[in-house]
Amino acid sequence: MRFLSAYIVLSLFAVAMDISHSRSLNKYKDLSLRVDQIAHQDQLTQLPNRHDMERRLEKKYQQYRLINQPFSVLLADLDNFKFINDRYGHDVGDDVLHAIGILLGEPLRGEDVVARWGGNEFMVLLPTANAEAAVNIAERLRSQAGKLTMEAQGDSLRISLSVGVASIDKCTGIDDLISTAENGLYQAKHMGRDMVVVG
């Protein structure tokens, strides 16, 4: 009888330990998934972040060196974003960023990737687009942004994007690709905003 009681107690203990271990394992998996998500996803827009996009660009560049299929990037910046933040507050600014993140992803092809590059900049990776196709996509996105209707404190917000375009077949590597897109974006801003410029 004592042996049977001890066996039951040990069995119950083993079951409890197994359940506890299983719960701990599940918590660890959830935590690990969350850490990975934070490392690769922008928390405001839920888009991939800069770190994740840099990884994708490097991978795409290695593919390009193997099969020589050109790809392009767009670097889009919200015009007059500082004014929106200063005039209406950061909550409104966050709403605008979130809306632009959604807008940039909607008309794209399934293979394309939109990421929040930093601040009010977004990068779009177009894995199979040459320069001409990239410019067409950039113009479409710029036009869509101009149709976005948002209000704050009774005012209608005018949303516009400046976009720099760069294609890998005209660049010497990823750093040059990014620098070329940045140059196009700088020119678009300098020439009056709300336009697309090939860097």
Protein backbone atom coordinates (compact mmCIF):
# COMPACT_ATOMS: atom_id res chain seq x y z
CA MET A 1 0.00 0.00 0.00
CA ARG A 2 2.84 2.37 0.89
CA PHE A 3 4.57 1.46 -2.35
CA LEU A 4 1.39 2.20 -4.32
CA SER A 5 0.93 5.56 -2.55
CA ALA A 6 4.55 6.51 -3.22
CA TYR A 7 4.18 5.47 -6.86
CA ILE A 8 1.05 7.61 -7.28
CA VAL A 9 2.74 10.62 -5.61
CA LEU A 10 5.83 10.22 -7.83
CA SER A 11 3.66 9.82 -10.92
CA LEU A 12 1.70 12.97 -10.10
CA PHE A 13 4.97 14.82 -9.46
CA ALA A 14 6.36 13.64 -12.80
CA VAL A 15 3.20 14.77 -14.61
CA ALA A 16 3.35 18.16 -12.86
CA MET A 17 7.02 18.55 -13.80
CA ASP A 18 6.27 17.59 -17.38
CA ILE A 19 3.45 20.17 -17.59
CA SER A 20 5.69 22.80 -15.98
CA HIS A 21 8.51 22.00 -18.43
CA SER A 22 6.09 22.16 -21.36
CA ARG A 23 4.78 25.55 -20.20
CA SER A 24 8.31 26.87 -19.74
CA LEU A 25 9.24 25.65 -23.21
CA ASN A 26 6.18 27.33 -24.72
CA LYS A 27 6.96 30.57 -22.88
CA TYR A 28 10.54 30.41 -24.16
CA LYS A 29 9.32 29.84 -27.73
CA ASP A 30 6.88 32.77 -27.43
CA LEU A 31 9.62 35.00 -26.02
CA SER A 32 12.08 33.93 -28.71
CA LEU A 33 9.49 34.66 -31.41
CA ARG A 34 8.81 38.07 -29.87
CA VAL A 35 12.53 38.95 -29.72
CA ASP A 36 12.93 37.92 -33.36
CA GLN A 37 9.90 40.02 -34.30
CA ILE A 38 11.30 43.08 -32.49
CA ALA A 39 14.65 42.61 -34.21
CA HIS A 40 13.10 42.53 -37.70
CA GLN A 41 9.85 44.50 -37.49
CA ASP A 42 9.06 48.17 -37.03
CA GLN A 43 6.67 48.38 -34.09
CA LEU A 44 4.69 51.39 -35.33
CA THR A 45 3.95 50.32 -38.90
CA GLN A 46 4.36 46.55 -38.47
CA LEU A 47 6.56 46.61 -41.59
CA PRO A 48 10.03 45.07 -41.78
CA ASN A 49 12.60 47.42 -40.25
CA ARG A 50 15.89 48.72 -41.64
CA HIS A 51 17.88 45.80 -40.21
CA ASP A 52 15.58 43.31 -41.94
CA MET A 53 15.67 45.23 -45.23
CA GLU A 54 19.48 45.38 -45.19
CA ARG A 55 19.53 41.60 -44.82
CA ARG A 56 17.11 41.21 -47.74
CA LEU A 57 19.14 43.58 -49.92
CA GLU A 58 22.33 41.66 -49.28
CA LYS A 59 20.62 38.37 -50.10
CA LYS A 60 19.15 39.84 -53.28
CA TYR A 61 22.53 41.20 -54.31
CA GLN A 62 24.12 37.77 -53.94
CA GLN A 63 21.37 36.36 -56.19
CA TYR A 64 21.97 39.14 -58.69
CA ARG A 65 25.67 38.25 -58.88
CA LEU A 66 24.71 34.66 -59.68
CA ILE A 67 21.88 35.11 -62.19
CA ASN A 68 22.32 38.77 -63.24
CA GLN A 69 18.62 39.62 -62.84
CA PRO A 70 18.39 43.36 -62.10
CA PHE A 71 16.48 44.68 -59.12
CA SER A 72 15.66 48.17 -57.92
CA VAL A 73 14.88 50.09 -54.76
CA LEU A 74 12.74 53.10 -54.01
CA LEU A 75 13.52 55.41 -51.10
CA ALA A 76 10.36 57.35 -50.25
CA ASP A 77 10.19 60.22 -47.78
CA LEU A 78 7.09 61.94 -46.43
CA ASP A 79 7.18 65.61 -47.39
CA ASN A 80 6.79 68.24 -44.64
CA PHE A 81 6.53 65.57 -41.96
CA LYS A 82 8.18 67.78 -39.33
CA PHE A 83 5.44 70.36 -39.88
CA ILE A 84 2.75 67.72 -39.28
CA ASN A 85 4.45 66.57 -36.07
CA ASP A 86 5.00 70.13 -34.81
CA ARG A 87 1.54 71.39 -35.72
CA TYR A 88 -0.64 68.41 -34.80
CA GLY A 89 1.50 66.30 -32.46
CA HIS A 90 3.33 63.02 -32.66
CA ASP A 91 0.17 60.90 -32.39
CA VAL A 92 -1.06 62.38 -35.67
CA GLY A 93 2.41 61.94 -37.13
CA ASP A 94 2.34 58.29 -36.12
CA ASP A 95 -1.08 57.87 -37.75
CA VAL A 96 0.28 59.34 -40.98
CA LEU A 97 3.31 57.02 -40.93
CA HIS A 98 1.08 54.02 -40.32
CA ALA A 99 -1.25 55.04 -43.17
CA ILE A 100 1.68 55.53 -45.57
CA GLY A 101 3.09 52.13 -44.59
CA ILE A 102 -0.22 50.50 -45.53
CA LEU A 103 -0.55 52.56 -48.72
CA LEU A 104 2.94 51.68 -49.94
CA GLY A 105 2.30 47.97 -49.56
CA GLU A 106 -1.13 47.77 -51.18
CA PRO A 107 -0.47 48.32 -54.90
CA LEU A 108 2.75 46.33 -55.00
CA ARG A 109 3.40 42.91 -56.48
CA GLY A 110 3.58 39.95 -54.11
CA GLU A 111 7.36 39.70 -54.36
CA ASP A 112 8.00 43.36 -53.48
CA VAL A 113 8.90 44.36 -49.92
CA VAL A 114 8.21 47.63 -48.09
CA ALA A 115 10.22 48.49 -44.99
CA ARG A 116 10.40 51.44 -42.67
CA TRP A 117 13.90 52.69 -43.33
CA GLY A 118 13.94 55.20 -40.49
CA GLY A 119 12.07 58.28 -39.29
CA ASN A 120 9.67 59.18 -42.09
CA GLU A 121 11.54 57.24 -44.79
CA PHE A 122 10.41 53.99 -46.36
CA MET A 123 12.34 51.68 -48.65
CA VAL A 124 10.72 49.48 -51.27
CA LEU A 125 12.63 46.51 -52.69
CA LEU A 126 11.51 45.59 -56.21
CA PRO A 127 13.23 42.20 -56.77
CA THR A 128 12.66 41.90 -60.53
CA ALA A 129 12.20 45.51 -61.65
CA ASN A 130 14.59 47.36 -63.92
CA ALA A 131 14.95 51.16 -63.73
CA GLU A 132 12.02 51.88 -66.05
CA ALA A 133 9.63 49.57 -64.20
CA ALA A 134 10.82 50.99 -60.86
CA VAL A 135 10.08 54.56 -61.96
CA ASN A 136 6.56 53.53 -63.05
CA ILE A 137 5.91 51.89 -59.69
CA ALA A 138 7.34 54.90 -57.83
CA GLU A 139 5.09 57.28 -59.76
CA ARG A 140 2.06 55.14 -58.97
CA LEU A 141 2.92 55.16 -55.25
CA ARG A 142 3.56 58.91 -55.26
CA SER A 143 0.20 59.49 -56.96
CA GLN A 144 -1.62 57.22 -54.48
CA ALA A 145 -0.08 59.09 -51.55
CA GLY A 146 -1.42 62.36 -52.95
CA LYS A 147 -4.95 60.92 -52.87
CA LEU A 148 -4.69 59.89 -49.22
CA THR A 149 -7.25 61.81 -47.17
CA MET A 150 -6.49 62.40 -43.50
CA GLU A 151 -7.73 64.99 -41.06
CA ALA A 152 -6.34 66.45 -37.85
CA GLN A 153 -7.96 69.05 -35.59
CA GLY A 154 -10.46 69.88 -38.31
CA ASP A 155 -7.77 70.39 -40.95
CA SER A 156 -7.35 68.28 -44.06
CA LEU A 157 -3.76 67.04 -44.27
CA ARG A 158 -1.95 67.18 -47.60
CA ILE A 159 0.18 64.06 -47.89
CA SER A 160 2.91 63.75 -50.49
CA LEU A 161 6.01 61.68 -51.11
CA SER A 162 9.38 62.40 -52.62
CA VAL A 163 10.99 59.27 -54.06
CA GLY A 164 14.51 58.36 -55.11
CA VAL A 165 14.98 55.40 -57.46
CA ALA A 166 18.08 53.23 -57.95
CA SER A 167 18.74 50.02 -59.89
CA ILE A 168 21.51 47.56 -59.12
CA ASP A 169 22.68 47.22 -62.73
CA LYS A 170 23.79 50.87 -62.61
CA CYS A 171 25.51 50.54 -59.22
CA THR A 172 28.63 48.85 -57.87
CA GLY A 173 27.07 47.20 -54.83
CA ILE A 174 24.51 47.62 -52.05
CA ASP A 175 26.14 50.69 -50.50
CA ASP A 176 26.21 52.39 -53.88
CA LEU A 177 22.60 51.34 -54.54
CA ILE A 178 21.42 52.94 -51.28
CA SER A 179 23.57 56.03 -51.84
CA THR A 180 22.13 56.42 -55.36
CA ALA A 181 18.55 56.16 -54.05
CA GLU A 182 19.39 58.71 -51.33
CA ASN A 183 20.80 61.05 -53.97
CA GLY A 184 17.61 60.76 -56.04
CA LEU A 185 15.54 61.48 -52.94
CA TYR A 186 17.70 64.51 -52.08
CA GLN A 187 17.22 65.86 -55.61
CA ALA A 188 13.45 65.32 -55.42
CA LYS A 189 13.34 67.29 -52.16
CA HIS A 190 15.61 70.01 -53.53
CA MET A 191 13.56 70.44 -56.72
CA GLY A 192 10.29 71.01 -54.89
CA ARG A 193 9.12 67.70 -53.37
CA ASP A 194 6.27 65.40 -54.43
CA MET A 195 8.24 63.90 -57.31
CA VAL A 196 10.23 60.86 -58.40
CA VAL A 197 13.91 61.18 -59.34
CA VAL A 198 16.29 58.49 -60.56
CA GLY A 199 19.54 58.83 -58.63
